[in-house]
N, C-alpha and C. Protein backbone atom coordinates (compact mmCIF):
# COMPACT_ATOMS: atom_id res chain seq x y z
N MET A 1 1.82 24.24 20.06
CA MET A 1 2.86 24.31 19.06
C MET A 1 2.88 23.00 18.28
N SER A 2 2.88 23.09 16.98
CA SER A 2 2.86 21.89 16.16
C SER A 2 4.27 21.35 15.99
N GLU A 3 4.34 20.03 15.71
CA GLU A 3 5.62 19.39 15.50
C GLU A 3 6.13 19.68 14.11
N PRO A 4 7.45 19.71 13.91
CA PRO A 4 7.98 19.95 12.56
C PRO A 4 7.61 18.79 11.64
N ILE A 5 7.45 19.10 10.38
CA ILE A 5 7.11 18.10 9.38
C ILE A 5 8.40 17.60 8.75
N ASN A 6 8.56 16.29 8.73
CA ASN A 6 9.72 15.68 8.09
C ASN A 6 9.36 15.39 6.64
N VAL A 7 10.17 15.86 5.73
CA VAL A 7 9.95 15.60 4.31
C VAL A 7 10.66 14.30 3.94
N VAL A 8 9.91 13.37 3.36
CA VAL A 8 10.45 12.06 2.99
C VAL A 8 10.51 11.99 1.47
N PRO A 9 11.66 11.65 0.90
CA PRO A 9 11.74 11.51 -0.56
C PRO A 9 10.70 10.53 -1.07
N ALA A 10 10.18 10.78 -2.27
CA ALA A 10 9.10 9.97 -2.84
C ALA A 10 9.49 8.49 -2.96
N GLN A 11 10.77 8.20 -3.12
CA GLN A 11 11.19 6.82 -3.30
C GLN A 11 11.09 6.02 -2.00
N GLN A 12 11.09 6.71 -0.87
CA GLN A 12 11.02 6.01 0.40
C GLN A 12 9.57 5.81 0.80
N ILE A 13 9.30 4.69 1.41
CA ILE A 13 7.95 4.38 1.87
C ILE A 13 7.93 4.58 3.37
N PRO A 14 7.08 5.47 3.87
CA PRO A 14 7.07 5.73 5.31
C PRO A 14 6.58 4.51 6.08
N LEU A 15 7.21 4.26 7.22
CA LEU A 15 6.77 3.21 8.12
C LEU A 15 5.92 3.88 9.19
N ARG A 16 4.72 3.39 9.38
CA ARG A 16 3.83 3.99 10.37
C ARG A 16 3.84 3.12 11.62
N THR A 17 3.91 3.76 12.75
CA THR A 17 3.86 3.01 13.99
C THR A 17 2.47 3.11 14.61
N ALA A 18 1.89 4.28 14.66
CA ALA A 18 0.53 4.45 15.16
C ALA A 18 -0.42 4.31 13.98
N TYR A 19 -1.60 3.78 14.24
CA TYR A 19 -2.53 3.60 13.13
C TYR A 19 -3.12 4.93 12.73
N GLU A 20 -2.82 5.31 11.53
CA GLU A 20 -3.28 6.56 10.95
C GLU A 20 -3.48 6.26 9.48
N PRO A 21 -4.69 5.81 9.12
CA PRO A 21 -4.89 5.35 7.74
C PRO A 21 -4.59 6.42 6.71
N SER A 22 -3.95 5.99 5.65
CA SER A 22 -3.69 6.86 4.51
C SER A 22 -4.92 6.85 3.62
N ALA A 23 -4.94 7.74 2.65
CA ALA A 23 -6.02 7.72 1.67
C ALA A 23 -5.96 6.41 0.90
N VAL A 24 -4.73 5.95 0.60
CA VAL A 24 -4.53 4.68 -0.12
C VAL A 24 -3.57 3.83 0.70
N GLU A 25 -3.99 2.59 0.96
CA GLU A 25 -3.15 1.65 1.69
C GLU A 25 -2.99 0.40 0.82
N LEU A 26 -1.74 -0.01 0.66
CA LEU A 26 -1.43 -1.23 -0.10
C LEU A 26 -0.87 -2.26 0.87
N PHE A 27 -1.58 -3.37 1.01
CA PHE A 27 -1.14 -4.48 1.84
C PHE A 27 -0.48 -5.48 0.90
N ASP A 28 0.85 -5.43 0.87
CA ASP A 28 1.63 -6.20 -0.11
C ASP A 28 1.84 -7.64 0.31
N PRO A 29 2.03 -8.51 -0.69
CA PRO A 29 2.46 -9.88 -0.38
C PRO A 29 3.92 -9.83 0.08
N PRO A 30 4.43 -10.91 0.66
CA PRO A 30 5.83 -10.91 1.07
C PRO A 30 6.74 -10.61 -0.12
N MET A 31 7.66 -9.68 0.09
CA MET A 31 8.63 -9.31 -0.94
C MET A 31 10.00 -9.16 -0.29
N CYS A 32 11.02 -9.14 -1.11
CA CYS A 32 12.39 -9.05 -0.59
C CYS A 32 12.73 -7.66 -0.06
N CYS A 33 11.98 -6.64 -0.51
CA CYS A 33 12.22 -5.28 -0.06
C CYS A 33 10.88 -4.54 -0.09
N PRO A 34 10.80 -3.32 0.43
CA PRO A 34 9.51 -2.63 0.51
C PRO A 34 8.78 -2.43 -0.82
N THR A 35 9.50 -2.34 -1.92
CA THR A 35 8.84 -2.11 -3.21
C THR A 35 8.85 -3.33 -4.11
N GLY A 36 9.69 -4.31 -3.78
CA GLY A 36 9.84 -5.47 -4.64
C GLY A 36 10.72 -5.20 -5.85
N LEU A 37 11.28 -4.00 -5.91
CA LEU A 37 12.10 -3.60 -7.06
C LEU A 37 13.58 -3.83 -6.77
N CYS A 38 13.90 -5.06 -6.43
CA CYS A 38 15.29 -5.41 -6.18
C CYS A 38 15.55 -6.77 -6.83
N GLY A 39 16.77 -7.17 -6.87
CA GLY A 39 17.09 -8.45 -7.48
C GLY A 39 17.50 -8.29 -8.93
N PRO A 40 17.85 -9.40 -9.57
CA PRO A 40 18.38 -9.35 -10.93
C PRO A 40 17.34 -9.05 -12.00
N THR A 41 16.07 -9.38 -11.75
CA THR A 41 15.02 -9.09 -12.74
C THR A 41 13.92 -8.27 -12.08
N LEU A 42 13.34 -7.39 -12.86
CA LEU A 42 12.28 -6.53 -12.34
C LEU A 42 10.93 -7.00 -12.85
N ASP A 43 9.96 -7.03 -11.96
CA ASP A 43 8.59 -7.41 -12.29
C ASP A 43 7.87 -6.16 -12.81
N GLN A 44 7.33 -6.23 -14.03
CA GLN A 44 6.66 -5.08 -14.64
C GLN A 44 5.49 -4.60 -13.79
N THR A 45 4.78 -5.53 -13.17
CA THR A 45 3.65 -5.14 -12.32
C THR A 45 4.12 -4.27 -11.16
N LEU A 46 5.24 -4.66 -10.54
CA LEU A 46 5.76 -3.89 -9.42
C LEU A 46 6.30 -2.54 -9.87
N LEU A 47 6.85 -2.48 -11.08
CA LEU A 47 7.27 -1.20 -11.64
C LEU A 47 6.06 -0.28 -11.83
N ASP A 48 4.97 -0.86 -12.34
CA ASP A 48 3.74 -0.08 -12.54
C ASP A 48 3.18 0.42 -11.22
N VAL A 49 3.22 -0.44 -10.19
CA VAL A 49 2.73 -0.04 -8.86
C VAL A 49 3.58 1.10 -8.31
N ASN A 50 4.89 0.98 -8.47
CA ASN A 50 5.79 2.04 -7.99
C ASN A 50 5.48 3.35 -8.71
N GLU A 51 5.26 3.30 -10.01
CA GLU A 51 4.91 4.51 -10.77
C GLU A 51 3.58 5.08 -10.30
N MET A 52 2.61 4.21 -9.99
CA MET A 52 1.32 4.65 -9.49
C MET A 52 1.49 5.37 -8.14
N VAL A 53 2.27 4.78 -7.25
CA VAL A 53 2.51 5.39 -5.94
C VAL A 53 3.16 6.75 -6.11
N LEU A 54 4.15 6.84 -6.98
CA LEU A 54 4.83 8.12 -7.21
C LEU A 54 3.87 9.15 -7.79
N ALA A 55 3.01 8.74 -8.74
CA ALA A 55 2.04 9.67 -9.33
C ALA A 55 1.06 10.17 -8.28
N LEU A 56 0.56 9.28 -7.45
CA LEU A 56 -0.41 9.67 -6.42
C LEU A 56 0.22 10.59 -5.38
N THR A 57 1.43 10.26 -4.94
CA THR A 57 2.07 11.11 -3.93
C THR A 57 2.41 12.47 -4.52
N THR A 58 2.75 12.52 -5.79
CA THR A 58 3.01 13.80 -6.46
C THR A 58 1.74 14.65 -6.48
N GLU A 59 0.59 13.99 -6.59
CA GLU A 59 -0.70 14.68 -6.59
C GLU A 59 -1.17 15.04 -5.18
N GLY A 60 -0.37 14.68 -4.17
CA GLY A 60 -0.72 15.00 -2.79
C GLY A 60 -1.54 13.94 -2.08
N VAL A 61 -1.68 12.76 -2.69
CA VAL A 61 -2.44 11.67 -2.08
C VAL A 61 -1.52 10.92 -1.13
N SER A 62 -1.99 10.66 0.06
CA SER A 62 -1.22 9.90 1.04
C SER A 62 -1.32 8.41 0.70
N VAL A 63 -0.17 7.78 0.44
CA VAL A 63 -0.13 6.36 0.08
C VAL A 63 0.83 5.66 1.03
N THR A 64 0.39 4.53 1.59
CA THR A 64 1.25 3.75 2.47
C THR A 64 1.21 2.30 2.03
N ARG A 65 2.39 1.70 1.97
CA ARG A 65 2.51 0.27 1.65
C ARG A 65 2.94 -0.44 2.92
N TYR A 66 2.30 -1.59 3.17
CA TYR A 66 2.60 -2.38 4.35
C TYR A 66 3.15 -3.74 3.94
N GLN A 67 4.16 -4.20 4.66
CA GLN A 67 4.75 -5.51 4.47
C GLN A 67 4.36 -6.38 5.66
N MET A 68 3.87 -7.58 5.40
CA MET A 68 3.41 -8.45 6.47
C MET A 68 4.53 -8.80 7.45
N ALA A 69 5.72 -9.05 6.93
CA ALA A 69 6.83 -9.46 7.80
C ALA A 69 7.30 -8.33 8.71
N SER A 70 7.35 -7.12 8.19
CA SER A 70 7.88 -6.01 8.98
C SER A 70 6.81 -5.14 9.63
N GLN A 71 5.56 -5.24 9.18
CA GLN A 71 4.49 -4.41 9.74
C GLN A 71 3.21 -5.23 9.98
N PRO A 72 3.31 -6.33 10.71
CA PRO A 72 2.13 -7.19 10.90
C PRO A 72 0.98 -6.47 11.60
N GLN A 73 1.28 -5.52 12.46
CA GLN A 73 0.22 -4.81 13.18
C GLN A 73 -0.69 -4.03 12.24
N ALA A 74 -0.16 -3.54 11.14
CA ALA A 74 -0.99 -2.82 10.16
C ALA A 74 -2.03 -3.76 9.57
N PHE A 75 -1.64 -4.99 9.31
CA PHE A 75 -2.58 -5.99 8.79
C PHE A 75 -3.63 -6.32 9.85
N LEU A 76 -3.19 -6.50 11.08
CA LEU A 76 -4.09 -6.89 12.16
C LEU A 76 -5.07 -5.79 12.55
N ARG A 77 -4.71 -4.54 12.32
CA ARG A 77 -5.60 -3.41 12.66
C ARG A 77 -6.79 -3.30 11.72
N ASN A 78 -6.70 -3.92 10.56
CA ASN A 78 -7.78 -3.82 9.58
C ASN A 78 -8.53 -5.15 9.54
N ALA A 79 -9.72 -5.17 10.16
CA ALA A 79 -10.49 -6.41 10.28
C ALA A 79 -10.82 -7.01 8.92
N GLU A 80 -11.11 -6.17 7.93
CA GLU A 80 -11.46 -6.69 6.61
C GLU A 80 -10.25 -7.35 5.95
N VAL A 81 -9.08 -6.77 6.11
CA VAL A 81 -7.85 -7.35 5.56
C VAL A 81 -7.58 -8.70 6.23
N VAL A 82 -7.71 -8.75 7.55
CA VAL A 82 -7.49 -10.00 8.28
C VAL A 82 -8.47 -11.06 7.80
N GLY A 83 -9.75 -10.69 7.64
CA GLY A 83 -10.76 -11.63 7.17
C GLY A 83 -10.45 -12.17 5.78
N LEU A 84 -10.01 -11.30 4.89
CA LEU A 84 -9.66 -11.74 3.54
C LEU A 84 -8.48 -12.71 3.54
N ILE A 85 -7.49 -12.43 4.39
CA ILE A 85 -6.32 -13.32 4.47
C ILE A 85 -6.71 -14.66 5.09
N ARG A 86 -7.57 -14.63 6.08
CA ARG A 86 -8.03 -15.90 6.67
C ARG A 86 -8.80 -16.72 5.64
N GLU A 87 -9.62 -16.05 4.86
CA GLU A 87 -10.46 -16.72 3.88
C GLU A 87 -9.66 -17.24 2.68
N ARG A 88 -8.80 -16.37 2.13
CA ARG A 88 -8.10 -16.71 0.88
C ARG A 88 -6.62 -16.99 1.06
N GLU A 89 -6.14 -16.85 2.28
CA GLU A 89 -4.73 -17.00 2.61
C GLU A 89 -3.90 -16.01 1.78
N MET A 90 -2.72 -16.41 1.38
CA MET A 90 -1.81 -15.47 0.69
C MET A 90 -2.32 -15.07 -0.69
N ALA A 91 -3.27 -15.81 -1.25
CA ALA A 91 -3.84 -15.45 -2.55
C ALA A 91 -4.62 -14.13 -2.47
N ALA A 92 -4.97 -13.70 -1.26
CA ALA A 92 -5.69 -12.43 -1.10
C ALA A 92 -4.78 -11.23 -1.36
N LEU A 93 -3.48 -11.43 -1.20
CA LEU A 93 -2.55 -10.31 -1.35
C LEU A 93 -2.13 -10.11 -2.79
N PRO A 94 -1.93 -8.89 -3.20
CA PRO A 94 -2.06 -7.65 -2.46
C PRO A 94 -3.53 -7.26 -2.27
N ILE A 95 -3.75 -6.47 -1.23
CA ILE A 95 -5.06 -5.90 -0.96
C ILE A 95 -4.91 -4.38 -0.98
N THR A 96 -5.79 -3.72 -1.71
CA THR A 96 -5.74 -2.26 -1.80
C THR A 96 -6.96 -1.68 -1.11
N VAL A 97 -6.70 -0.73 -0.20
CA VAL A 97 -7.76 -0.06 0.55
C VAL A 97 -7.69 1.43 0.23
N VAL A 98 -8.82 2.00 -0.16
CA VAL A 98 -8.89 3.43 -0.44
C VAL A 98 -9.93 4.03 0.48
N ARG A 99 -9.47 4.97 1.31
CA ARG A 99 -10.33 5.64 2.29
C ARG A 99 -11.12 4.64 3.14
N GLY A 100 -10.42 3.59 3.56
CA GLY A 100 -11.00 2.61 4.45
C GLY A 100 -11.81 1.52 3.78
N LYS A 101 -11.93 1.56 2.46
CA LYS A 101 -12.74 0.58 1.74
C LYS A 101 -11.83 -0.26 0.84
N VAL A 102 -11.97 -1.60 0.94
CA VAL A 102 -11.20 -2.50 0.08
C VAL A 102 -11.72 -2.34 -1.35
N ILE A 103 -10.79 -2.03 -2.28
CA ILE A 103 -11.21 -1.87 -3.68
C ILE A 103 -10.65 -2.96 -4.59
N LYS A 104 -9.62 -3.68 -4.14
CA LYS A 104 -9.02 -4.70 -5.00
C LYS A 104 -8.35 -5.76 -4.13
N VAL A 105 -8.55 -7.03 -4.49
CA VAL A 105 -7.99 -8.15 -3.74
C VAL A 105 -7.31 -9.10 -4.73
N GLY A 106 -6.08 -9.53 -4.39
CA GLY A 106 -5.39 -10.52 -5.19
C GLY A 106 -4.58 -9.97 -6.34
N GLU A 107 -4.70 -8.69 -6.61
CA GLU A 107 -3.89 -8.02 -7.64
C GLU A 107 -3.91 -6.52 -7.38
N TYR A 108 -2.92 -5.85 -7.94
CA TYR A 108 -2.85 -4.41 -7.76
C TYR A 108 -3.82 -3.70 -8.69
N PRO A 109 -4.38 -2.58 -8.24
CA PRO A 109 -5.27 -1.81 -9.11
C PRO A 109 -4.46 -0.95 -10.07
N SER A 110 -5.14 -0.46 -11.09
CA SER A 110 -4.52 0.51 -11.99
C SER A 110 -4.63 1.89 -11.34
N LEU A 111 -3.88 2.82 -11.87
CA LEU A 111 -3.95 4.19 -11.39
C LEU A 111 -5.36 4.74 -11.57
N SER A 112 -6.00 4.43 -12.69
CA SER A 112 -7.36 4.93 -12.92
C SER A 112 -8.35 4.33 -11.93
N GLU A 113 -8.16 3.07 -11.53
CA GLU A 113 -9.05 2.47 -10.53
C GLU A 113 -8.90 3.18 -9.18
N VAL A 114 -7.68 3.50 -8.80
CA VAL A 114 -7.46 4.19 -7.53
C VAL A 114 -8.03 5.60 -7.59
N ARG A 115 -7.78 6.30 -8.67
CA ARG A 115 -8.33 7.66 -8.81
C ARG A 115 -9.85 7.64 -8.76
N SER A 116 -10.46 6.66 -9.40
CA SER A 116 -11.92 6.53 -9.38
C SER A 116 -12.42 6.29 -7.95
N ALA A 117 -11.75 5.42 -7.22
CA ALA A 117 -12.14 5.15 -5.84
C ALA A 117 -11.95 6.37 -4.94
N LEU A 118 -10.94 7.17 -5.23
CA LEU A 118 -10.70 8.39 -4.44
C LEU A 118 -11.81 9.42 -4.68
N GLU A 119 -12.42 9.38 -5.85
CA GLU A 119 -13.48 10.35 -6.18
C GLU A 119 -14.82 9.97 -5.56
N GLU A 120 -14.98 8.73 -5.13
CA GLU A 120 -16.26 8.27 -4.56
C GLU A 120 -16.51 8.89 -3.22
């Protein structure tokens, strides 16, 4: 018998406890909240990332964002992510992984870059 599926609103970012890689994984730099969309001013880059995540999830793509402070194990489970952080320190973040392959380091990718990586 299968377990019931919990539906999570698109605005919420699921927290994963067991390692189960998503099609797209975003290893975010430290932020005040899971999306960085809080506070008195909004960063256009973070707004664009949020729109990208919403577009991908609407298309049925599994997207997970990880925060170093609240989900350090997600960072530690990915040897390539750990290596990049050791090498470049915090300048490596954000790191974007698509289907287990790092596609962008130090900045967020565009929606077209992620879609292209998903097609490979």
